[in-house]
Amino acid sequence: MEEKYRIVKCPHCQKDVTHIEGTDYTCPYCGKSLNGQARQESRLQRMKQYILRNKVLVAVTTCLLICVLAMSGTVSFAVDQRDLMSNQLQEQTDQYNELQSNYDDLLAKFDELQSSYNDLETELTNYQDQQETIDSLNAQLTDLQEKYDALSAENEELKEQISENDSSMSGAGGTGGGRLPVPGSDGYLSESSNDSVSDMVWIPAHGEKYHSIPDCGNMNPNTASQVSRSSAEAMGYDACSKCW
């Protein structure tokens, strides 16, 4: 049978001694027995190995547990971050949709205001055109008023001449020999003067026709004026179809 040797430390003198397993051996240095110490050391070694194995197992288990917890925490953190980012994305999407809706509303209001502006621009252009027409009509009205005032003055002068002529005819006792009384003469005109008298026409205060008699149609003879036919035509009057 093969003997097993091993080196042990003497518990008494603390020196290394070669020991044969299964034998009762004494320390050669101090002479004390090593059998109890060997068994005690064997148990101690086994206990140390057991403790070491347990420590290693505990360390490995602890590491695995830490890794699992770390991974679990990382996954949980990642899930939380994902949920947070998802919520933020949803909020941003809602904000974008709200902004888009507000933009569409503002764009519709802008189009409405642009249409109103175009309508006002068109009305302003029409107003400017109408204002030009009004200014032109006012100028024509002023010109016609001046002509009316001139004709009124001429009418008053003619009335005075006719009145003077009637007075002269009354003083002369009538006319004869084909003569007509005119102001500024001896009360009579020659036969050749009848042509100039026949060129005189009557124009109404309101109307567009000149007449050969002062009471033609609905014309008021009290407001009628006598002017030359050429003057009446120059003022835009046409001949009356009833008396001409």
C-alpha atoms as a PDB file:
ATOM      1  CA  MET A   1       0.000   0.000   0.000  1.00  0.00           C
ATOM      2  CA  GLU A   2       1.362   3.340  -1.044  1.00  0.00           C
ATOM      3  CA  GLU A   3       1.967   5.704   1.846  1.00  0.00           C
ATOM      4  CA  LYS A   4       0.815   9.328   1.555  1.00  0.00           C
ATOM      5  CA  TYR A   5       3.061  12.042   2.895  1.00  0.00           C
ATOM      6  CA  ARG A   6       2.189  15.586   3.542  1.00  0.00           C
ATOM      7  CA  ILE A   7       3.717  18.508   5.274  1.00  0.00           C
ATOM      8  CA  VAL A   8       1.953  19.708   8.412  1.00  0.00           C
ATOM      9  CA  LYS A   9       2.793  22.405  10.928  1.00  0.00           C
ATOM     10  CA  CYS A  10       3.367  21.254  14.458  1.00  0.00           C
ATOM     11  CA  PRO A  11       0.860  23.021  16.685  1.00  0.00           C
ATOM     12  CA  HIS A  12       3.321  23.011  19.506  1.00  0.00           C
ATOM     13  CA  CYS A  13       6.543  24.268  18.021  1.00  0.00           C
ATOM     14  CA  GLN A  14       5.144  25.730  14.798  1.00  0.00           C
ATOM     15  CA  LYS A  15       7.666  23.856  12.621  1.00  0.00           C
ATOM     16  CA  ASP A  16       6.968  21.999   9.404  1.00  0.00           C
ATOM     17  CA  VAL A  17       6.911  18.223   9.894  1.00  0.00           C
ATOM     18  CA  THR A  18       6.453  15.427   7.344  1.00  0.00           C
ATOM     19  CA  HIS A  19       3.437  13.355   8.352  1.00  0.00           C
ATOM     20  CA  ILE A  20       2.294   9.954   7.079  1.00  0.00           C
ATOM     21  CA  GLU A  21      -1.453   9.624   6.961  1.00  0.00           C
ATOM     22  CA  GLY A  22      -2.889   6.889   9.182  1.00  0.00           C
ATOM     23  CA  THR A  23       0.130   6.759  11.522  1.00  0.00           C
ATOM     24  CA  ASP A  24       0.654   8.020  15.038  1.00  0.00           C
ATOM     25  CA  TYR A  25       3.504  10.398  14.524  1.00  0.00           C
ATOM     26  CA  THR A  26       5.316  12.628  16.945  1.00  0.00           C
ATOM     27  CA  CYS A  27       7.077  15.862  16.186  1.00  0.00           C
ATOM     28  CA  PRO A  28      10.827  15.260  15.866  1.00  0.00           C
ATOM     29  CA  TYR A  29      11.509  18.736  17.237  1.00  0.00           C
ATOM     30  CA  CYS A  30       9.340  18.871  20.361  1.00  0.00           C
ATOM     31  CA  GLY A  31       8.358  15.162  20.707  1.00  0.00           C
ATOM     32  CA  LYS A  32       4.654  15.799  20.947  1.00  0.00           C
ATOM     33  CA  SER A  33       1.986  13.806  19.031  1.00  0.00           C
ATOM     34  CA  LEU A  34       0.660  15.122  15.701  1.00  0.00           C
ATOM     35  CA  ASN A  35      -2.350  12.777  15.179  1.00  0.00           C
ATOM     36  CA  GLY A  36      -4.986  15.028  16.785  1.00  0.00           C
ATOM     37  CA  GLN A  37      -3.561  18.013  15.022  1.00  0.00           C
ATOM     38  CA  ALA A  38      -3.701  16.236  11.656  1.00  0.00           C
ATOM     39  CA  ARG A  39      -7.314  15.301  12.076  1.00  0.00           C
ATOM     40  CA  GLN A  40      -8.085  18.783  13.292  1.00  0.00           C
ATOM     41  CA  GLU A  41      -6.225  20.262  10.335  1.00  0.00           C
ATOM     42  CA  SER A  42      -8.065  17.956   7.939  1.00  0.00           C
ATOM     43  CA  ARG A  43     -11.377  19.100   9.296  1.00  0.00           C
ATOM     44  CA  LEU A  44     -10.167  22.684   9.198  1.00  0.00           C
ATOM     45  CA  GLN A  45      -9.069  22.311   5.598  1.00  0.00           C
ATOM     46  CA  ARG A  46     -12.381  20.806   4.622  1.00  0.00           C
ATOM     47  CA  MET A  47     -14.193  23.564   6.453  1.00  0.00           C
ATOM     48  CA  LYS A  48     -12.053  26.170   4.741  1.00  0.00           C
ATOM     49  CA  GLN A  49     -12.784  24.592   1.371  1.00  0.00           C
ATOM     50  CA  TYR A  50     -16.473  24.479   2.212  1.00  0.00           C
ATOM     51  CA  ILE A  51     -16.410  28.075   3.308  1.00  0.00           C
ATOM     52  CA  LEU A  52     -14.428  29.025   0.206  1.00  0.00           C
ATOM     53  CA  ARG A  53     -16.862  27.219  -2.031  1.00  0.00           C
ATOM     54  CA  ASN A  54     -19.731  28.904  -0.238  1.00  0.00           C
ATOM     55  CA  LYS A  55     -18.026  32.284  -0.597  1.00  0.00           C
ATOM     56  CA  VAL A  56     -17.467  31.683  -4.284  1.00  0.00           C
ATOM     57  CA  LEU A  57     -21.050  30.541  -4.697  1.00  0.00           C
ATOM     58  CA  VAL A  58     -22.310  33.535  -2.753  1.00  0.00           C
ATOM     59  CA  ALA A  59     -20.079  35.852  -4.795  1.00  0.00           C
ATOM     60  CA  VAL A  60     -21.243  34.338  -8.081  1.00  0.00           C
ATOM     61  CA  THR A  61     -24.856  34.459  -6.931  1.00  0.00           C
ATOM     62  CA  THR A  62     -24.411  38.036  -5.809  1.00  0.00           C
ATOM     63  CA  CYS A  63     -22.865  38.971  -9.158  1.00  0.00           C
ATOM     64  CA  LEU A  64     -25.648  37.267 -11.032  1.00  0.00           C
ATOM     65  CA  LEU A  65     -28.212  38.959  -8.841  1.00  0.00           C
ATOM     66  CA  ILE A  66     -26.536  42.333  -9.366  1.00  0.00           C
ATOM     67  CA  CYS A  67     -26.448  41.730 -13.107  1.00  0.00           C
ATOM     68  CA  VAL A  68     -30.076  40.682 -13.138  1.00  0.00           C
ATOM     69  CA  LEU A  69     -31.060  43.676 -11.042  1.00  0.00           C
ATOM     70  CA  ALA A  70     -28.959  45.967 -13.217  1.00  0.00           C
ATOM     71  CA  MET A  71     -30.503  44.520 -16.365  1.00  0.00           C
ATOM     72  CA  SER A  72     -33.942  44.742 -14.835  1.00  0.00           C
ATOM     73  CA  GLY A  73     -33.300  48.336 -13.825  1.00  0.00           C
ATOM     74  CA  THR A  74     -31.959  49.151 -17.302  1.00  0.00           C
ATOM     75  CA  VAL A  75     -34.944  47.551 -18.976  1.00  0.00           C
ATOM     76  CA  SER A  76     -37.297  49.329 -16.614  1.00  0.00           C
ATOM     77  CA  PHE A  77     -35.486  52.613 -17.218  1.00  0.00           C
ATOM     78  CA  ALA A  78     -35.574  52.008 -20.961  1.00  0.00           C
ATOM     79  CA  VAL A  79     -39.295  51.241 -20.761  1.00  0.00           C
ATOM     80  CA  ASP A  80     -39.860  54.379 -18.701  1.00  0.00           C
ATOM     81  CA  GLN A  81     -37.839  56.426 -21.169  1.00  0.00           C
ATOM     82  CA  ARG A  82     -39.766  54.905 -24.055  1.00  0.00           C
ATOM     83  CA  ASP A  83     -43.075  55.742 -22.389  1.00  0.00           C
ATOM     84  CA  LEU A  84     -41.844  59.263 -21.594  1.00  0.00           C
ATOM     85  CA  MET A  85     -40.687  59.810 -25.166  1.00  0.00           C
ATOM     86  CA  SER A  86     -43.956  58.377 -26.452  1.00  0.00           C
ATOM     87  CA  ASN A  87     -45.914  60.791 -24.277  1.00  0.00           C
ATOM     88  CA  GLN A  88     -43.739  63.711 -25.384  1.00  0.00           C
ATOM     89  CA  LEU A  89     -44.182  62.685 -29.008  1.00  0.00           C
ATOM     90  CA  GLN A  90     -47.949  62.530 -28.536  1.00  0.00           C
ATOM     91  CA  GLU A  91     -47.967  65.976 -26.886  1.00  0.00           C
ATOM     92  CA  GLN A  92     -45.860  67.420 -29.703  1.00  0.00           C
ATOM     93  CA  THR A  93     -48.174  65.795 -32.255  1.00  0.00           C
ATOM     94  CA  ASP A  94     -51.197  67.334 -30.524  1.00  0.00           C
ATOM     95  CA  GLN A  95     -49.465  70.728 -30.436  1.00  0.00           C
ATOM     96  CA  TYR A  96     -48.604  70.413 -34.127  1.00  0.00           C
ATOM     97  CA  ASN A  97     -52.198  69.536 -35.002  1.00  0.00           C
ATOM     98  CA  GLU A  98     -53.429  72.495 -32.952  1.00  0.00           C
ATOM     99  CA  LEU A  99     -50.944  74.830 -34.641  1.00  0.00           C
ATOM    100  CA  GLN A 100     -51.944  73.457 -38.034  1.00  0.00           C
ATOM    101  CA  SER A 101     -55.613  74.090 -37.230  1.00  0.00           C
ATOM    102  CA  ASN A 102     -54.805  77.647 -36.098  1.00  0.00           C
ATOM    103  CA  TYR A 103     -52.782  78.187 -39.266  1.00  0.00           C
ATOM    104  CA  ASP A 104     -55.693  76.994 -41.414  1.00  0.00           C
ATOM    105  CA  ASP A 105     -58.058  79.358 -39.566  1.00  0.00           C
ATOM    106  CA  LEU A 106     -55.674  82.295 -39.996  1.00  0.00           C
ATOM    107  CA  LEU A 107     -55.230  81.441 -43.667  1.00  0.00           C
ATOM    108  CA  ALA A 108     -59.007  81.404 -44.171  1.00  0.00           C
ATOM    109  CA  LYS A 109     -59.311  84.776 -42.394  1.00  0.00           C
ATOM    110  CA  PHE A 110     -56.485  86.144 -44.527  1.00  0.00           C
ATOM    111  CA  ASP A 111     -58.238  85.011 -47.708  1.00  0.00           C
ATOM    112  CA  GLU A 112     -61.451  86.635 -46.464  1.00  0.00           C
ATOM    113  CA  LEU A 113     -59.649  89.891 -45.671  1.00  0.00           C
ATOM    114  CA  GLN A 114     -57.874  89.764 -49.029  1.00  0.00           C
ATOM    115  CA  SER A 115     -61.224  89.361 -50.782  1.00  0.00           C
ATOM    116  CA  SER A 116     -62.665  92.293 -48.796  1.00  0.00           C
ATOM    117  CA  TYR A 117     -59.606  94.363 -49.640  1.00  0.00           C
ATOM    118  CA  ASN A 118     -60.000  93.571 -53.348  1.00  0.00           C
ATOM    119  CA  ASP A 119     -63.679  94.556 -53.176  1.00  0.00           C
ATOM    120  CA  LEU A 120     -62.796  97.824 -51.446  1.00  0.00           C
ATOM    121  CA  GLU A 121     -60.078  98.459 -54.015  1.00  0.00           C
ATOM    122  CA  THR A 122     -62.599  97.938 -56.808  1.00  0.00           C
ATOM    123  CA  GLU A 123     -65.130 100.229 -55.107  1.00  0.00           C
ATOM    124  CA  LEU A 124     -62.428 102.866 -54.596  1.00  0.00           C
ATOM    125  CA  THR A 125     -61.520 102.680 -58.286  1.00  0.00           C
ATOM    126  CA  ASN A 126     -65.188 103.022 -59.236  1.00  0.00           C
ATOM    127  CA  TYR A 127     -65.540 105.920 -56.801  1.00  0.00           C
ATOM    128  CA  GLN A 128     -62.544 107.652 -58.347  1.00  0.00           C
ATOM    129  CA  ASP A 129     -64.040 107.142 -61.817  1.00  0.00           C
ATOM    130  CA  GLN A 130     -67.396 108.452 -60.587  1.00  0.00           C
ATOM    131  CA  GLN A 131     -65.652 111.380 -58.901  1.00  0.00           C
ATOM    132  CA  GLU A 132     -64.029 112.286 -62.204  1.00  0.00           C
ATOM    133  CA  THR A 133     -67.445 112.101 -63.874  1.00  0.00           C
ATOM    134  CA  ILE A 134     -68.941 114.230 -61.085  1.00  0.00           C
ATOM    135  CA  ASP A 135     -66.162 116.796 -61.446  1.00  0.00           C
ATOM    136  CA  SER A 136     -66.737 116.901 -65.196  1.00  0.00           C
ATOM    137  CA  LEU A 137     -70.496 117.312 -64.697  1.00  0.00           C
ATOM    138  CA  ASN A 138     -69.886 120.027 -62.113  1.00  0.00           C
ATOM    139  CA  ALA A 139     -67.699 121.856 -64.603  1.00  0.00           C
ATOM    140  CA  GLN A 140     -70.408 121.541 -67.246  1.00  0.00           C
ATOM    141  CA  LEU A 141     -73.013 122.654 -64.722  1.00  0.00           C
ATOM    142  CA  THR A 142     -70.919 125.693 -63.851  1.00  0.00           C
ATOM    143  CA  ASP A 143     -70.544 126.528 -67.536  1.00  0.00           C
ATOM    144  CA  LEU A 144     -74.281 126.088 -68.087  1.00  0.00           C
ATOM    145  CA  GLN A 145     -75.005 128.222 -65.027  1.00  0.00           C
ATOM    146  CA  GLU A 146     -72.842 130.964 -66.442  1.00  0.00           C
ATOM    147  CA  LYS A 147     -74.650 130.672 -69.787  1.00  0.00           C
ATOM    148  CA  TYR A 148     -77.978 130.684 -67.966  1.00  0.00           C
ATOM    149  CA  ASP A 149     -77.025 133.810 -66.049  1.00  0.00           C
ATOM    150  CA  ALA A 150     -75.913 135.479 -69.274  1.00  0.00           C
ATOM    151  CA  LEU A 151     -79.144 134.485 -71.006  1.00  0.00           C
ATOM    152  CA  SER A 152     -81.168 135.667 -68.029  1.00  0.00           C
ATOM    153  CA  ALA A 153     -79.451 139.025 -68.194  1.00  0.00           C
ATOM    154  CA  GLU A 154     -80.041 139.135 -71.957  1.00  0.00           C
ATOM    155  CA  ASN A 155     -83.666 138.151 -71.393  1.00  0.00           C
ATOM    156  CA  GLU A 156     -84.146 140.975 -68.904  1.00  0.00           C
ATOM    157  CA  GLU A 157     -82.556 143.400 -71.342  1.00  0.00           C
ATOM    158  CA  LEU A 158     -84.830 142.177 -74.137  1.00  0.00           C
ATOM    159  CA  LYS A 159     -87.849 142.526 -71.908  1.00  0.00           C
ATOM    160  CA  GLU A 160     -86.873 146.114 -71.191  1.00  0.00           C
ATOM    161  CA  GLN A 161     -86.419 146.752 -74.907  1.00  0.00           C
ATOM    162  CA  ILE A 162     -89.806 145.184 -75.667  1.00  0.00           C
ATOM    163  CA  SER A 163     -91.361 147.303 -72.950  1.00  0.00           C
ATOM    164  CA  GLU A 164     -89.776 150.423 -74.372  1.00  0.00           C
ATOM    165  CA  ASN A 165     -90.877 149.334 -77.862  1.00  0.00           C
ATOM    166  CA  ASP A 166     -94.461 148.877 -76.688  1.00  0.00           C
ATOM    167  CA  SER A 167     -94.341 152.344 -75.143  1.00  0.00           C
ATOM    168  CA  SER A 168     -93.026 153.833 -78.323  1.00  0.00           C
ATOM    169  CA  MET A 169     -95.744 152.115 -80.381  1.00  0.00           C
ATOM    170  CA  SER A 170     -98.404 153.357 -78.023  1.00  0.00           C
ATOM    171  CA  GLY A 171     -97.088 156.906 -78.327  1.00  0.00           C
ATOM    172  CA  ALA A 172     -96.943 156.725 -82.128  1.00  0.00           C
ATOM    173  CA  GLY A 173    -100.569 155.546 -82.392  1.00  0.00           C
ATOM    174  CA  GLY A 174     -99.919 152.232 -84.136  1.00  0.00           C
ATOM    175  CA  THR A 175     -97.894 150.964 -87.086  1.00  0.00           C
ATOM    176  CA  GLY A 176     -98.520 151.108 -90.792  1.00  0.00           C
ATOM    177  CA  GLY A 177     -97.006 150.592 -94.185  1.00  0.00           C
ATOM    178  CA  GLY A 178     -95.542 147.257 -93.339  1.00  0.00           C
ATOM    179  CA  ARG A 179     -93.231 148.671 -90.614  1.00  0.00           C
ATOM    180  CA  LEU A 180     -92.483 147.118 -87.211  1.00  0.00           C
ATOM    181  CA  PRO A 181     -91.434 149.093 -84.151  1.00  0.00           C
ATOM    182  CA  VAL A 182     -87.996 148.374 -82.720  1.00  0.00           C
ATOM    183  CA  PRO A 183     -86.116 150.026 -79.901  1.00  0.00           C
ATOM    184  CA  GLY A 184     -83.484 152.615 -80.772  1.00  0.00           C
ATOM    185  CA  SER A 185     -85.178 153.914 -83.969  1.00  0.00           C
ATOM    186  CA  ASP A 186     -87.995 156.216 -84.823  1.00  0.00           C
ATOM    187  CA  GLY A 187     -90.462 153.475 -83.954  1.00  0.00           C
ATOM    188  CA  TYR A 188     -90.562 151.668 -87.305  1.00  0.00           C
ATOM    189  CA  LEU A 189     -88.403 149.285 -89.353  1.00  0.00           C
ATOM    190  CA  SER A 190     -88.322 148.988 -93.075  1.00  0.00           C
ATOM    191  CA  GLU A 191     -89.701 145.923 -94.813  1.00  0.00           C
ATOM    192  CA  SER A 192     -86.169 144.567 -95.152  1.00  0.00           C
ATOM    193  CA  SER A 193     -85.809 144.598 -91.355  1.00  0.00           C
ATOM    194  CA  ASN A 194     -88.504 141.915 -91.025  1.00  0.00           C
ATOM    195  CA  ASP A 195     -85.914 139.286 -91.897  1.00  0.00           C
ATOM    196  CA  SER A 196     -83.835 140.063 -88.790  1.00  0.00           C
ATOM    197  CA  VAL A 197     -86.937 140.017 -86.592  1.00  0.00           C
ATOM    198  CA  SER A 198     -87.950 136.626 -87.996  1.00  0.00           C
ATOM    199  CA  ASP A 199     -84.592 135.198 -86.847  1.00  0.00           C
ATOM    200  CA  MET A 200     -85.586 135.797 -83.225  1.00  0.00           C
ATOM    201  CA  VAL A 201     -86.966 132.742 -81.361  1.00  0.00           C
ATOM    202  CA  TRP A 202     -88.406 132.026 -77.935  1.00  0.00           C
ATOM    203  CA  ILE A 203     -86.676 129.650 -75.511  1.00  0.00           C
ATOM    204  CA  PRO A 204     -88.335 128.293 -72.344  1.00  0.00           C
ATOM    205  CA  ALA A 205     -86.904 128.472 -68.850  1.00  0.00           C
ATOM    206  CA  HIS A 206     -87.008 124.668 -68.763  1.00  0.00           C
ATOM    207  CA  GLY A 207     -86.860 122.674 -71.980  1.00  0.00           C
ATOM    208  CA  GLU A 208     -84.797 121.731 -75.003  1.00  0.00           C
ATOM    209  CA  LYS A 209     -86.772 123.286 -77.918  1.00  0.00           C
ATOM    210  CA  TYR A 210     -86.966 126.871 -79.225  1.00  0.00           C
ATOM    211  CA  HIS A 211     -90.260 128.216 -80.526  1.00  0.00           C
ATOM    212  CA  SER A 212     -91.498 130.863 -82.945  1.00  0.00           C
ATOM    213  CA  ILE A 213     -94.176 132.016 -80.478  1.00  0.00           C
ATOM    214  CA  PRO A 214     -93.866 132.530 -76.701  1.00  0.00           C
ATOM    215  CA  ASP A 215     -96.933 130.474 -75.772  1.00  0.00           C
ATOM    216  CA  CYS A 216     -96.377 127.326 -77.836  1.00  0.00           C
ATOM    217  CA  GLY A 217     -97.547 124.179 -76.125  1.00  0.00           C
ATOM    218  CA  ASN A 218     -96.901 124.142 -72.360  1.00  0.00           C
ATOM    219  CA  MET A 219     -94.269 126.877 -72.473  1.00  0.00           C
ATOM    220  CA  ASN A 220     -94.917 129.700 -69.985  1.00  0.00           C
ATOM    221  CA  PRO A 221     -94.692 133.002 -71.895  1.00  0.00           C
ATOM    222  CA  ASN A 222     -93.924 134.852 -68.661  1.00  0.00           C
ATOM    223  CA  THR A 223     -90.631 132.932 -68.190  1.00  0.00           C
ATOM    224  CA  ALA A 224     -89.780 132.586 -71.895  1.00  0.00           C
ATOM    225  CA  SER A 225     -86.798 134.458 -73.329  1.00  0.00           C
ATOM    226  CA  GLN A 226     -86.315 135.762 -76.859  1.00  0.00           C
ATOM    227  CA  VAL A 227     -82.904 135.224 -78.461  1.00  0.00           C
ATOM    228  CA  SER A 228     -81.568 134.850 -81.956  1.00  0.00           C
ATOM    229  CA  ARG A 229     -82.068 131.533 -83.633  1.00  0.00           C
ATOM    230  CA  SER A 230     -78.323 131.036 -84.057  1.00  0.00           C
ATOM    231  CA  SER A 231     -77.792 131.704 -80.335  1.00  0.00           C
ATOM    232  CA  ALA A 232     -80.494 129.179 -79.419  1.00  0.00           C
ATOM    233  CA  GLU A 233     -78.933 126.531 -81.623  1.00  0.00           C
ATOM    234  CA  ALA A 234     -75.509 127.326 -80.188  1.00  0.00           C
ATOM    235  CA  MET A 235     -76.898 126.699 -76.719  1.00  0.00           C
ATOM    236  CA  GLY A 236     -78.139 123.250 -77.779  1.00  0.00           C
ATOM    237  CA  TYR A 237     -81.816 124.017 -78.449  1.00  0.00           C
ATOM    238  CA  ASP A 238     -83.645 122.320 -81.322  1.00  0.00           C
ATOM    239  CA  ALA A 239     -86.573 123.693 -83.324  1.00  0.00           C
ATOM    240  CA  CYS A 240     -90.053 122.841 -82.079  1.00  0.00           C
ATOM    241  CA  SER A 241     -91.854 120.590 -84.550  1.00  0.00           C
ATOM    242  CA  LYS A 242     -95.228 122.226 -83.794  1.00  0.00           C
ATOM    243  CA  CYS A 243     -94.474 125.881 -84.509  1.00  0.00           C
ATOM    244  CA  TRP A 244     -91.726 125.506 -87.098  1.00  0.00           C
END
